[in-house]
Amino acid sequence: MVDSTDLAACRPPRTAPDATRRLDHAPSMALGTARRQDTARSDRHIHDLRETNHLGLRAMANAEGRPRRRLPATERRRLILEAAREAFVEAGEGMSGVSVREIAKRSGIDEALVYRHFGTKEDLYFEAVLRPVEEIFQQFVRGVADAAFPDAADDSAQARIQREWDLTYAMLRQLCRVDPAVLRSVAMLLFGDPRHSGAFYARTLSPALEQLEQLVVAELPNWPHRAFSVPIAVRATIATCFWTVVEHDLAGRPLDADETARELCDLIIYGMATPDADRPR
């Protein structure tokens, strides 16, 4: 027979109910804690990503120059025109090389607002590139016409050459002060898309050259000079001035417009004057 004492010794030790429950739930409690920690870390990570994305987008907006406040219509128009002029000149292909979307990005103005201001890319091209050049040529022709001086009392050859020198100097001085950016636009218009270059020449450049020729022809009886071709003289003078301005700009050298005009004026007037006409200076 088995003694009861031996049976009792064979039984496993009893564990308190609470302790057992705690032991049974220990793995699940640890798992829950780990999950809560993972969730917290994930939330912090998502928050950090959102904050980084927000800062990145804000930095990109600032880098692109997008305004944070609502701009007046005149200011928006100015920004659009500046961006369009730069884009068209850089592309050097007229309208075909630039999209309205690119202009909107450069200016920091919404693309829809660009169309609201200008309607079409053709209108924008005209306002950004053609109109400023037209205005420059018109101002130039008016300025030369207004520079005419009354006839001097002295009718000697010297006095008449001096008068012509002063008129020519006024014209050259204006030419040497033209903004290099405008001249780059002129070059783009002339050497870009043949359709646009032909229209620009017929609409803007040719009339301006004809007006200058008329001014020169009107002055021919007023001073002693060699025989010369007025069309060639006008074009050679304008081309020399414009190239001098552009070259100095490309080289980063300041141009003394007054001195440049003075030297060119000596070459033109005294080179064309008759040999027996002494220099007045």
C-alpha atoms as a PDB file:
ATOM      1  CA  MET A   1       0.000   0.000   0.000  1.00  0.00           C
ATOM      2  CA  VAL A   2       1.114   3.521  -0.634  1.00  0.00           C
ATOM      3  CA  ASP A   3       1.351   5.715   2.284  1.00  0.00           C
ATOM      4  CA  SER A   4      -0.682   8.918   2.102  1.00  0.00           C
ATOM      5  CA  THR A   5       2.352  10.770   3.171  1.00  0.00           C
ATOM      6  CA  ASP A   6       4.150   9.632   0.014  1.00  0.00           C
ATOM      7  CA  LEU A   7       1.190  10.732  -2.183  1.00  0.00           C
ATOM      8  CA  ALA A   8       1.254  14.161  -0.684  1.00  0.00           C
ATOM      9  CA  ALA A   9       4.931  14.397  -1.396  1.00  0.00           C
ATOM     10  CA  CYS A  10       4.332  13.545  -5.068  1.00  0.00           C
ATOM     11  CA  ARG A  11       1.801  16.372  -5.625  1.00  0.00           C
ATOM     12  CA  PRO A  12       3.139  19.582  -7.254  1.00  0.00           C
ATOM     13  CA  PRO A  13       3.251  22.584  -5.000  1.00  0.00           C
ATOM     14  CA  ARG A  14       0.131  24.741  -5.041  1.00  0.00           C
ATOM     15  CA  THR A  15       0.401  28.277  -6.370  1.00  0.00           C
ATOM     16  CA  ALA A  16      -1.814  31.082  -5.205  1.00  0.00           C
ATOM     17  CA  PRO A  17      -4.554  31.951  -7.693  1.00  0.00           C
ATOM     18  CA  ASP A  18      -3.471  35.602  -8.060  1.00  0.00           C
ATOM     19  CA  ALA A  19       0.094  34.622  -8.674  1.00  0.00           C
ATOM     20  CA  THR A  20      -0.962  32.157 -11.324  1.00  0.00           C
ATOM     21  CA  ARG A  21      -3.037  34.739 -13.118  1.00  0.00           C
ATOM     22  CA  ARG A  22      -0.159  37.160 -13.023  1.00  0.00           C
ATOM     23  CA  LEU A  23       2.167  34.565 -14.487  1.00  0.00           C
ATOM     24  CA  ASP A  24      -0.353  33.644 -17.189  1.00  0.00           C
ATOM     25  CA  HIS A  25      -0.866  37.290 -18.216  1.00  0.00           C
ATOM     26  CA  ALA A  26       2.795  38.335 -18.075  1.00  0.00           C
ATOM     27  CA  PRO A  27       3.574  37.598 -21.773  1.00  0.00           C
ATOM     28  CA  SER A  28       0.457  39.420 -23.022  1.00  0.00           C
ATOM     29  CA  MET A  29       1.179  42.430 -20.796  1.00  0.00           C
ATOM     30  CA  ALA A  30       4.710  42.640 -22.134  1.00  0.00           C
ATOM     31  CA  LEU A  31       3.418  42.343 -25.686  1.00  0.00           C
ATOM     32  CA  GLY A  32       0.873  45.120 -25.093  1.00  0.00           C
ATOM     33  CA  THR A  33       3.537  47.406 -23.697  1.00  0.00           C
ATOM     34  CA  ALA A  34       5.776  46.760 -26.679  1.00  0.00           C
ATOM     35  CA  ARG A  35       2.902  47.495 -29.043  1.00  0.00           C
ATOM     36  CA  ARG A  36       2.118  50.755 -27.293  1.00  0.00           C
ATOM     37  CA  GLN A  37       5.764  51.759 -27.515  1.00  0.00           C
ATOM     38  CA  ASP A  38       5.879  50.879 -31.214  1.00  0.00           C
ATOM     39  CA  THR A  39       2.704  52.884 -31.813  1.00  0.00           C
ATOM     40  CA  ALA A  40       4.166  55.881 -30.008  1.00  0.00           C
ATOM     41  CA  ARG A  41       7.373  55.658 -32.005  1.00  0.00           C
ATOM     42  CA  SER A  42       5.367  55.336 -35.230  1.00  0.00           C
ATOM     43  CA  ASP A  43       3.259  58.372 -34.334  1.00  0.00           C
ATOM     44  CA  ARG A  44       6.380  60.389 -33.602  1.00  0.00           C
ATOM     45  CA  HIS A  45       7.916  59.256 -36.890  1.00  0.00           C
ATOM     46  CA  ILE A  46       4.810  60.232 -38.855  1.00  0.00           C
ATOM     47  CA  HIS A  47       4.747  63.601 -37.108  1.00  0.00           C
ATOM     48  CA  ASP A  48       8.428  64.147 -37.914  1.00  0.00           C
ATOM     49  CA  LEU A  49       7.832  63.223 -41.553  1.00  0.00           C
ATOM     50  CA  ARG A  50       4.891  65.599 -41.796  1.00  0.00           C
ATOM     51  CA  GLU A  51       6.874  68.391 -40.188  1.00  0.00           C
ATOM     52  CA  THR A  52       9.841  67.763 -42.468  1.00  0.00           C
ATOM     53  CA  ASN A  53       7.581  67.682 -45.510  1.00  0.00           C
ATOM     54  CA  HIS A  54       5.895  70.898 -44.433  1.00  0.00           C
ATOM     55  CA  LEU A  55       9.213  72.654 -43.925  1.00  0.00           C
ATOM     56  CA  GLY A  56      10.502  71.298 -47.220  1.00  0.00           C
ATOM     57  CA  LEU A  57       7.484  72.528 -49.140  1.00  0.00           C
ATOM     58  CA  ARG A  58       7.729  75.897 -47.456  1.00  0.00           C
ATOM     59  CA  ALA A  59      11.425  76.108 -48.325  1.00  0.00           C
ATOM     60  CA  MET A  60      10.685  75.149 -51.913  1.00  0.00           C
ATOM     61  CA  ALA A  61       8.026  77.824 -52.131  1.00  0.00           C
ATOM     62  CA  ASN A  62      10.444  80.387 -50.770  1.00  0.00           C
ATOM     63  CA  ALA A  63      13.197  79.245 -53.138  1.00  0.00           C
ATOM     64  CA  GLU A  64      10.873  79.594 -56.096  1.00  0.00           C
ATOM     65  CA  GLY A  65      10.007  83.076 -54.957  1.00  0.00           C
ATOM     66  CA  ARG A  66       6.303  82.465 -54.564  1.00  0.00           C
ATOM     67  CA  PRO A  67       4.735  85.396 -52.768  1.00  0.00           C
ATOM     68  CA  ARG A  68       3.124  84.740 -49.401  1.00  0.00           C
ATOM     69  CA  ARG A  69       0.757  87.671 -49.727  1.00  0.00           C
ATOM     70  CA  ARG A  70      -1.663  88.706 -52.418  1.00  0.00           C
ATOM     71  CA  LEU A  71       0.119  91.011 -54.829  1.00  0.00           C
ATOM     72  CA  PRO A  72      -1.485  93.955 -56.596  1.00  0.00           C
ATOM     73  CA  ALA A  73      -2.310  93.316 -60.237  1.00  0.00           C
ATOM     74  CA  THR A  74       0.356  95.756 -61.438  1.00  0.00           C
ATOM     75  CA  GLU A  75       3.033  93.983 -59.397  1.00  0.00           C
ATOM     76  CA  ARG A  76       1.945  90.562 -60.677  1.00  0.00           C
ATOM     77  CA  ARG A  77       2.046  91.866 -64.222  1.00  0.00           C
ATOM     78  CA  ARG A  78       5.562  93.256 -63.717  1.00  0.00           C
ATOM     79  CA  LEU A  79       6.848  89.946 -62.301  1.00  0.00           C
ATOM     80  CA  ILE A  80       5.298  87.979 -65.146  1.00  0.00           C
ATOM     81  CA  LEU A  81       6.793  90.264 -67.806  1.00  0.00           C
ATOM     82  CA  GLU A  82      10.262  90.137 -66.247  1.00  0.00           C
ATOM     83  CA  ALA A  83      10.174  86.346 -66.010  1.00  0.00           C
ATOM     84  CA  ALA A  84       8.824  86.001 -69.554  1.00  0.00           C
ATOM     85  CA  ARG A  85      11.458  88.330 -71.015  1.00  0.00           C
ATOM     86  CA  GLU A  86      14.264  86.411 -69.297  1.00  0.00           C
ATOM     87  CA  ALA A  87      12.868  83.051 -70.392  1.00  0.00           C
ATOM     88  CA  PHE A  88      12.348  84.077 -74.020  1.00  0.00           C
ATOM     89  CA  VAL A  89      15.806  85.651 -74.310  1.00  0.00           C
ATOM     90  CA  GLU A  90      17.522  82.662 -72.683  1.00  0.00           C
ATOM     91  CA  ALA A  91      15.726  80.220 -74.969  1.00  0.00           C
ATOM     92  CA  GLY A  92      16.576  82.267 -78.050  1.00  0.00           C
ATOM     93  CA  GLU A  93      13.856  80.523 -80.049  1.00  0.00           C
ATOM     94  CA  GLY A  94      11.017  83.002 -79.862  1.00  0.00           C
ATOM     95  CA  MET A  95       7.820  81.639 -78.384  1.00  0.00           C
ATOM     96  CA  SER A  96       8.368  77.992 -79.240  1.00  0.00           C
ATOM     97  CA  GLY A  97      11.127  77.387 -76.700  1.00  0.00           C
ATOM     98  CA  VAL A  98       9.216  78.542 -73.621  1.00  0.00           C
ATOM     99  CA  SER A  99       5.969  77.400 -71.998  1.00  0.00           C
ATOM    100  CA  VAL A 100       3.573  79.509 -69.979  1.00  0.00           C
ATOM    101  CA  ARG A 101       4.004  77.020 -67.137  1.00  0.00           C
ATOM    102  CA  GLU A 102       7.739  77.755 -67.024  1.00  0.00           C
ATOM    103  CA  ILE A 103       7.075  81.487 -66.985  1.00  0.00           C
ATOM    104  CA  ALA A 104       4.584  81.035 -64.152  1.00  0.00           C
ATOM    105  CA  LYS A 105       7.167  79.053 -62.176  1.00  0.00           C
ATOM    106  CA  ARG A 106       9.852  81.676 -62.731  1.00  0.00           C
ATOM    107  CA  SER A 107       7.602  84.530 -61.705  1.00  0.00           C
ATOM    108  CA  GLY A 108       6.027  82.782 -58.721  1.00  0.00           C
ATOM    109  CA  ILE A 109       2.584  83.563 -60.142  1.00  0.00           C
ATOM    110  CA  ASP A 110      -0.079  80.930 -60.676  1.00  0.00           C
ATOM    111  CA  GLU A 111      -0.381  79.836 -64.296  1.00  0.00           C
ATOM    112  CA  ALA A 112      -4.093  80.674 -64.366  1.00  0.00           C
ATOM    113  CA  LEU A 113      -3.284  84.256 -63.342  1.00  0.00           C
ATOM    114  CA  VAL A 114      -0.723  84.518 -66.124  1.00  0.00           C
ATOM    115  CA  TYR A 115      -3.451  83.684 -68.648  1.00  0.00           C
ATOM    116  CA  ARG A 116      -5.829  86.082 -66.909  1.00  0.00           C
ATOM    117  CA  HIS A 117      -3.360  88.930 -67.403  1.00  0.00           C
ATOM    118  CA  PHE A 118      -2.252  88.171 -70.969  1.00  0.00           C
ATOM    119  CA  GLY A 119      -4.735  85.776 -72.527  1.00  0.00           C
ATOM    120  CA  THR A 120      -2.338  83.873 -74.795  1.00  0.00           C
ATOM    121  CA  LYS A 121       1.367  83.161 -75.014  1.00  0.00           C
ATOM    122  CA  GLU A 122       1.494  85.270 -78.178  1.00  0.00           C
ATOM    123  CA  ASP A 123       0.149  88.290 -76.270  1.00  0.00           C
ATOM    124  CA  LEU A 124       2.654  87.675 -73.487  1.00  0.00           C
ATOM    125  CA  TYR A 125       5.512  87.439 -75.992  1.00  0.00           C
ATOM    126  CA  PHE A 126       4.499  90.726 -77.590  1.00  0.00           C
ATOM    127  CA  GLU A 127       4.233  92.559 -74.259  1.00  0.00           C
ATOM    128  CA  ALA A 128       7.443  91.089 -72.827  1.00  0.00           C
ATOM    129  CA  VAL A 129       9.742  91.311 -75.846  1.00  0.00           C
ATOM    130  CA  LEU A 130       8.317  93.268 -78.766  1.00  0.00           C
ATOM    131  CA  ARG A 131       6.725  96.228 -77.031  1.00  0.00           C
ATOM    132  CA  PRO A 132       9.812  97.281 -74.996  1.00  0.00           C
ATOM    133  CA  VAL A 133      11.956  97.171 -78.144  1.00  0.00           C
ATOM    134  CA  GLU A 134       9.394  99.184 -80.095  1.00  0.00           C
ATOM    135  CA  GLU A 135       9.259 101.790 -77.338  1.00  0.00           C
ATOM    136  CA  ILE A 136      13.064 102.069 -77.276  1.00  0.00           C
ATOM    137  CA  PHE A 137      13.231 102.693 -81.027  1.00  0.00           C
ATOM    138  CA  GLN A 138      10.370 105.184 -80.922  1.00  0.00           C
ATOM    139  CA  GLN A 139      11.971 107.098 -78.048  1.00  0.00           C
ATOM    140  CA  PHE A 140      15.274 107.066 -79.875  1.00  0.00           C
ATOM    141  CA  VAL A 141      13.831 108.509 -83.079  1.00  0.00           C
ATOM    142  CA  ARG A 142      11.897 111.167 -81.153  1.00  0.00           C
ATOM    143  CA  GLY A 143      15.000 112.051 -79.165  1.00  0.00           C
ATOM    144  CA  VAL A 144      17.112 112.526 -82.279  1.00  0.00           C
ATOM    145  CA  ALA A 145      14.411 114.621 -83.935  1.00  0.00           C
ATOM    146  CA  ASP A 146      14.090 116.809 -80.839  1.00  0.00           C
ATOM    147  CA  ALA A 147      17.863 117.333 -80.698  1.00  0.00           C
ATOM    148  CA  ALA A 148      17.865 119.540 -83.811  1.00  0.00           C
ATOM    149  CA  PHE A 149      19.417 122.909 -83.053  1.00  0.00           C
ATOM    150  CA  PRO A 150      18.430 126.213 -84.651  1.00  0.00           C
ATOM    151  CA  ASP A 151      20.639 127.434 -87.484  1.00  0.00           C
ATOM    152  CA  ALA A 152      23.662 129.266 -86.139  1.00  0.00           C
ATOM    153  CA  ALA A 153      24.394 132.843 -87.167  1.00  0.00           C
ATOM    154  CA  ASP A 154      27.834 131.713 -88.303  1.00  0.00           C
ATOM    155  CA  ASP A 155      27.408 130.022 -91.682  1.00  0.00           C
ATOM    156  CA  SER A 156      31.034 128.971 -92.042  1.00  0.00           C
ATOM    157  CA  ALA A 157      31.994 125.388 -92.864  1.00  0.00           C
ATOM    158  CA  GLN A 158      33.389 124.978 -89.367  1.00  0.00           C
ATOM    159  CA  ALA A 159      30.160 126.133 -87.745  1.00  0.00           C
ATOM    160  CA  ARG A 160      28.032 123.862 -89.912  1.00  0.00           C
ATOM    161  CA  ILE A 161      30.244 120.846 -89.193  1.00  0.00           C
ATOM    162  CA  GLN A 162      30.103 121.606 -85.487  1.00  0.00           C
ATOM    163  CA  ARG A 163      26.315 121.696 -85.651  1.00  0.00           C
ATOM    164  CA  GLU A 164      26.272 118.346 -87.433  1.00  0.00           C
ATOM    165  CA  TRP A 165      28.728 116.941 -84.913  1.00  0.00           C
ATOM    166  CA  ASP A 166      26.437 117.993 -82.053  1.00  0.00           C
ATOM    167  CA  LEU A 167      23.391 116.407 -83.695  1.00  0.00           C
ATOM    168  CA  THR A 168      25.240 113.145 -84.392  1.00  0.00           C
ATOM    169  CA  TYR A 169      26.679 113.063 -80.888  1.00  0.00           C
ATOM    170  CA  ALA A 170      23.185 113.354 -79.401  1.00  0.00           C
ATOM    171  CA  MET A 171      22.072 110.354 -81.474  1.00  0.00           C
ATOM    172  CA  LEU A 172      25.127 108.227 -80.636  1.00  0.00           C
ATOM    173  CA  ARG A 173      24.866 109.034 -76.964  1.00  0.00           C
ATOM    174  CA  GLN A 174      21.332 107.678 -76.929  1.00  0.00           C
ATOM    175  CA  LEU A 175      22.377 104.534 -78.771  1.00  0.00           C
ATOM    176  CA  CYS A 176      25.217 103.850 -76.336  1.00  0.00           C
ATOM    177  CA  ARG A 177      22.833 104.097 -73.396  1.00  0.00           C
ATOM    178  CA  VAL A 178      20.389 101.429 -74.544  1.00  0.00           C
ATOM    179  CA  ASP A 179      19.865  98.669 -71.966  1.00  0.00           C
ATOM    180  CA  PRO A 180      21.915  95.560 -72.945  1.00  0.00           C
ATOM    181  CA  ALA A 181      18.915  93.371 -72.056  1.00  0.00           C
ATOM    182  CA  VAL A 182      16.880  95.164 -74.720  1.00  0.00           C
ATOM    183  CA  LEU A 183      19.639  94.620 -77.261  1.00  0.00           C
ATOM    184  CA  ARG A 184      19.690  90.901 -76.465  1.00  0.00           C
ATOM    185  CA  SER A 185      15.958  90.886 -77.141  1.00  0.00           C
ATOM    186  CA  VAL A 186      16.599  92.594 -80.477  1.00  0.00           C
ATOM    187  CA  ALA A 187      19.200  89.965 -81.370  1.00  0.00           C
ATOM    188  CA  MET A 188      16.790  87.186 -80.445  1.00  0.00           C
ATOM    189  CA  LEU A 189      14.067  88.740 -82.577  1.00  0.00           C
ATOM    190  CA  LEU A 190      16.368  89.156 -85.561  1.00  0.00           C
ATOM    191  CA  PHE A 191      18.126  85.786 -85.428  1.00  0.00           C
ATOM    192  CA  GLY A 192      15.379  83.611 -83.939  1.00  0.00           C
ATOM    193  CA  ASP A 193      12.249  82.260 -85.574  1.00  0.00           C
ATOM    194  CA  PRO A 194      12.169  83.670 -89.162  1.00  0.00           C
ATOM    195  CA  ARG A 195       8.427  84.298 -88.878  1.00  0.00           C
ATOM    196  CA  HIS A 196       8.886  86.551 -85.858  1.00  0.00           C
ATOM    197  CA  SER A 197      12.088  88.160 -87.142  1.00  0.00           C
ATOM    198  CA  GLY A 198      10.402  89.152 -90.401  1.00  0.00           C
ATOM    199  CA  ALA A 199       7.421  90.610 -88.568  1.00  0.00           C
ATOM    200  CA  PHE A 200       9.680  92.496 -86.152  1.00  0.00           C
ATOM    201  CA  TYR A 201      11.766  93.932 -88.972  1.00  0.00           C
ATOM    202  CA  ALA A 202       8.747  95.062 -90.968  1.00  0.00           C
ATOM    203  CA  ARG A 203       6.842  96.421 -87.994  1.00  0.00           C
ATOM    204  CA  THR A 204       9.552  98.004 -85.841  1.00  0.00           C
ATOM    205  CA  LEU A 205      13.096  98.049 -87.187  1.00  0.00           C
ATOM    206  CA  SER A 206      12.533  99.065 -90.790  1.00  0.00           C
ATOM    207  CA  PRO A 207      10.328 102.102 -89.953  1.00  0.00           C
ATOM    208  CA  ALA A 208      12.853 103.263 -87.340  1.00  0.00           C
ATOM    209  CA  LEU A 209      15.721 102.998 -89.836  1.00  0.00           C
ATOM    210  CA  GLU A 210      13.727 104.875 -92.470  1.00  0.00           C
ATOM    211  CA  GLN A 211      13.022 107.715 -90.048  1.00  0.00           C
ATOM    212  CA  LEU A 212      16.710 107.964 -89.192  1.00  0.00           C
ATOM    213  CA  GLU A 213      17.598 108.015 -92.876  1.00  0.00           C
ATOM    214  CA  GLN A 214      15.140 110.872 -93.412  1.00  0.00           C
ATOM    215  CA  LEU A 215      16.757 112.843 -90.589  1.00  0.00           C
ATOM    216  CA  VAL A 216      20.213 112.349 -92.099  1.00  0.00           C
ATOM    217  CA  VAL A 217      19.042 113.269 -95.610  1.00  0.00           C
ATOM    218  CA  ALA A 218      17.422 116.435 -94.257  1.00  0.00           C
ATOM    219  CA  GLU A 219      20.771 117.471 -92.781  1.00  0.00           C
ATOM    220  CA  LEU A 220      22.872 116.789 -95.875  1.00  0.00           C
ATOM    221  CA  PRO A 221      22.590 120.348 -97.319  1.00  0.00           C
ATOM    222  CA  ASN A 222      23.648 121.851 -93.988  1.00  0.00           C
ATOM    223  CA  TRP A 223      27.282 120.725 -93.906  1.00  0.00           C
ATOM    224  CA  PRO A 224      30.145 120.016 -96.315  1.00  0.00           C
ATOM    225  CA  HIS A 225      30.718 116.292 -96.675  1.00  0.00           C
ATOM    226  CA  ARG A 226      31.953 113.585 -99.000  1.00  0.00           C
ATOM    227  CA  ALA A 227      29.482 111.550-101.008  1.00  0.00           C
ATOM    228  CA  PHE A 228      28.294 108.555 -98.963  1.00  0.00           C
ATOM    229  CA  SER A 229      25.456 106.059 -98.780  1.00  0.00           C
ATOM    230  CA  VAL A 230      22.936 107.181 -96.179  1.00  0.00           C
ATOM    231  CA  PRO A 231      21.404 103.690 -95.620  1.00  0.00           C
ATOM    232  CA  ILE A 232      24.837 102.133 -95.093  1.00  0.00           C
ATOM    233  CA  ALA A 233      25.979 104.956 -92.822  1.00  0.00           C
ATOM    234  CA  VAL A 234      22.854 104.678 -90.659  1.00  0.00           C
ATOM    235  CA  ARG A 235      23.078 100.892 -90.297  1.00  0.00           C
ATOM    236  CA  ALA A 236      26.830 100.875 -89.684  1.00  0.00           C
ATOM    237  CA  THR A 237      26.442 103.498 -86.976  1.00  0.00           C
ATOM    238  CA  ILE A 238      23.632 101.674 -85.159  1.00  0.00           C
ATOM    239  CA  ALA A 239      25.365  98.295 -85.418  1.00  0.00           C
ATOM    240  CA  THR A 240      28.644  99.712 -84.062  1.00  0.00           C
ATOM    241  CA  CYS A 241      26.939 101.313 -81.074  1.00  0.00           C
ATOM    242  CA  PHE A 242      24.847  98.271 -80.244  1.00  0.00           C
ATOM    243  CA  TRP A 243      27.744  95.834 -80.520  1.00  0.00           C
ATOM    244  CA  THR A 244      29.913  98.065 -78.313  1.00  0.00           C
ATOM    245  CA  VAL A 245      27.209  98.087 -75.637  1.00  0.00           C
ATOM    246  CA  VAL A 246      26.702  94.313 -75.773  1.00  0.00           C
ATOM    247  CA  GLU A 247      30.428  93.532 -75.791  1.00  0.00           C
ATOM    248  CA  HIS A 248      31.075  95.630 -72.689  1.00  0.00           C
ATOM    249  CA  ASP A 249      28.146  93.980 -70.942  1.00  0.00           C
ATOM    250  CA  LEU A 250      29.374  90.477 -71.802  1.00  0.00           C
ATOM    251  CA  ALA A 251      32.884  91.318 -70.634  1.00  0.00           C
ATOM    252  CA  GLY A 252      31.595  92.890 -67.427  1.00  0.00           C
ATOM    253  CA  ARG A 253      33.237  96.230 -68.239  1.00  0.00           C
ATOM    254  CA  PRO A 254      31.382  99.515 -67.649  1.00  0.00           C
ATOM    255  CA  LEU A 255      30.807 101.555 -70.781  1.00  0.00           C
ATOM    256  CA  ASP A 256      31.398 105.289 -70.792  1.00  0.00           C
ATOM    257  CA  ALA A 257      28.561 106.220 -73.131  1.00  0.00           C
ATOM    258  CA  ASP A 258      29.625 109.859 -73.447  1.00  0.00           C
ATOM    259  CA  GLU A 259      33.238 109.114 -74.368  1.00  0.00           C
ATOM    260  CA  THR A 260      32.256 106.280 -76.717  1.00  0.00           C
ATOM    261  CA  ALA A 261      29.773 108.539 -78.491  1.00  0.00           C
ATOM    262  CA  ARG A 262      32.420 111.266 -78.769  1.00  0.00           C
ATOM    263  CA  GLU A 263      34.980 108.956 -80.389  1.00  0.00           C
ATOM    264  CA  LEU A 264      32.463 107.464 -82.797  1.00  0.00           C
ATOM    265  CA  CYS A 265      31.223 110.940 -83.684  1.00  0.00           C
ATOM    266  CA  ASP A 266      34.736 112.049 -84.608  1.00  0.00           C
ATOM    267  CA  LEU A 267      35.134 109.001 -86.859  1.00  0.00           C
ATOM    268  CA  ILE A 268      31.806 109.573 -88.597  1.00  0.00           C
ATOM    269  CA  ILE A 269      31.679 113.341 -89.039  1.00  0.00           C
ATOM    270  CA  TYR A 270      35.340 114.094 -89.712  1.00  0.00           C
ATOM    271  CA  GLY A 271      35.680 110.956 -91.817  1.00  0.00           C
ATOM    272  CA  MET A 272      32.836 112.125 -94.043  1.00  0.00           C
ATOM    273  CA  ALA A 273      33.656 115.838 -94.034  1.00  0.00           C
ATOM    274  CA  THR A 274      35.292 117.289 -97.131  1.00  0.00           C
ATOM    275  CA  PRO A 275      39.083 117.505 -96.963  1.00  0.00           C
ATOM    276  CA  ASP A 276      39.076 121.330 -96.999  1.00  0.00           C
ATOM    277  CA  ALA A 277      36.751 121.539 -93.975  1.00  0.00           C
ATOM    278  CA  ASP A 278      38.888 122.096 -90.908  1.00  0.00           C
ATOM    279  CA  ARG A 279      37.927 120.570 -87.642  1.00  0.00           C
ATOM    280  CA  PRO A 280      36.212 123.115 -85.405  1.00  0.00           C
ATOM    281  CA  ARG A 281      37.996 121.707 -82.355  1.00  0.00           C
END
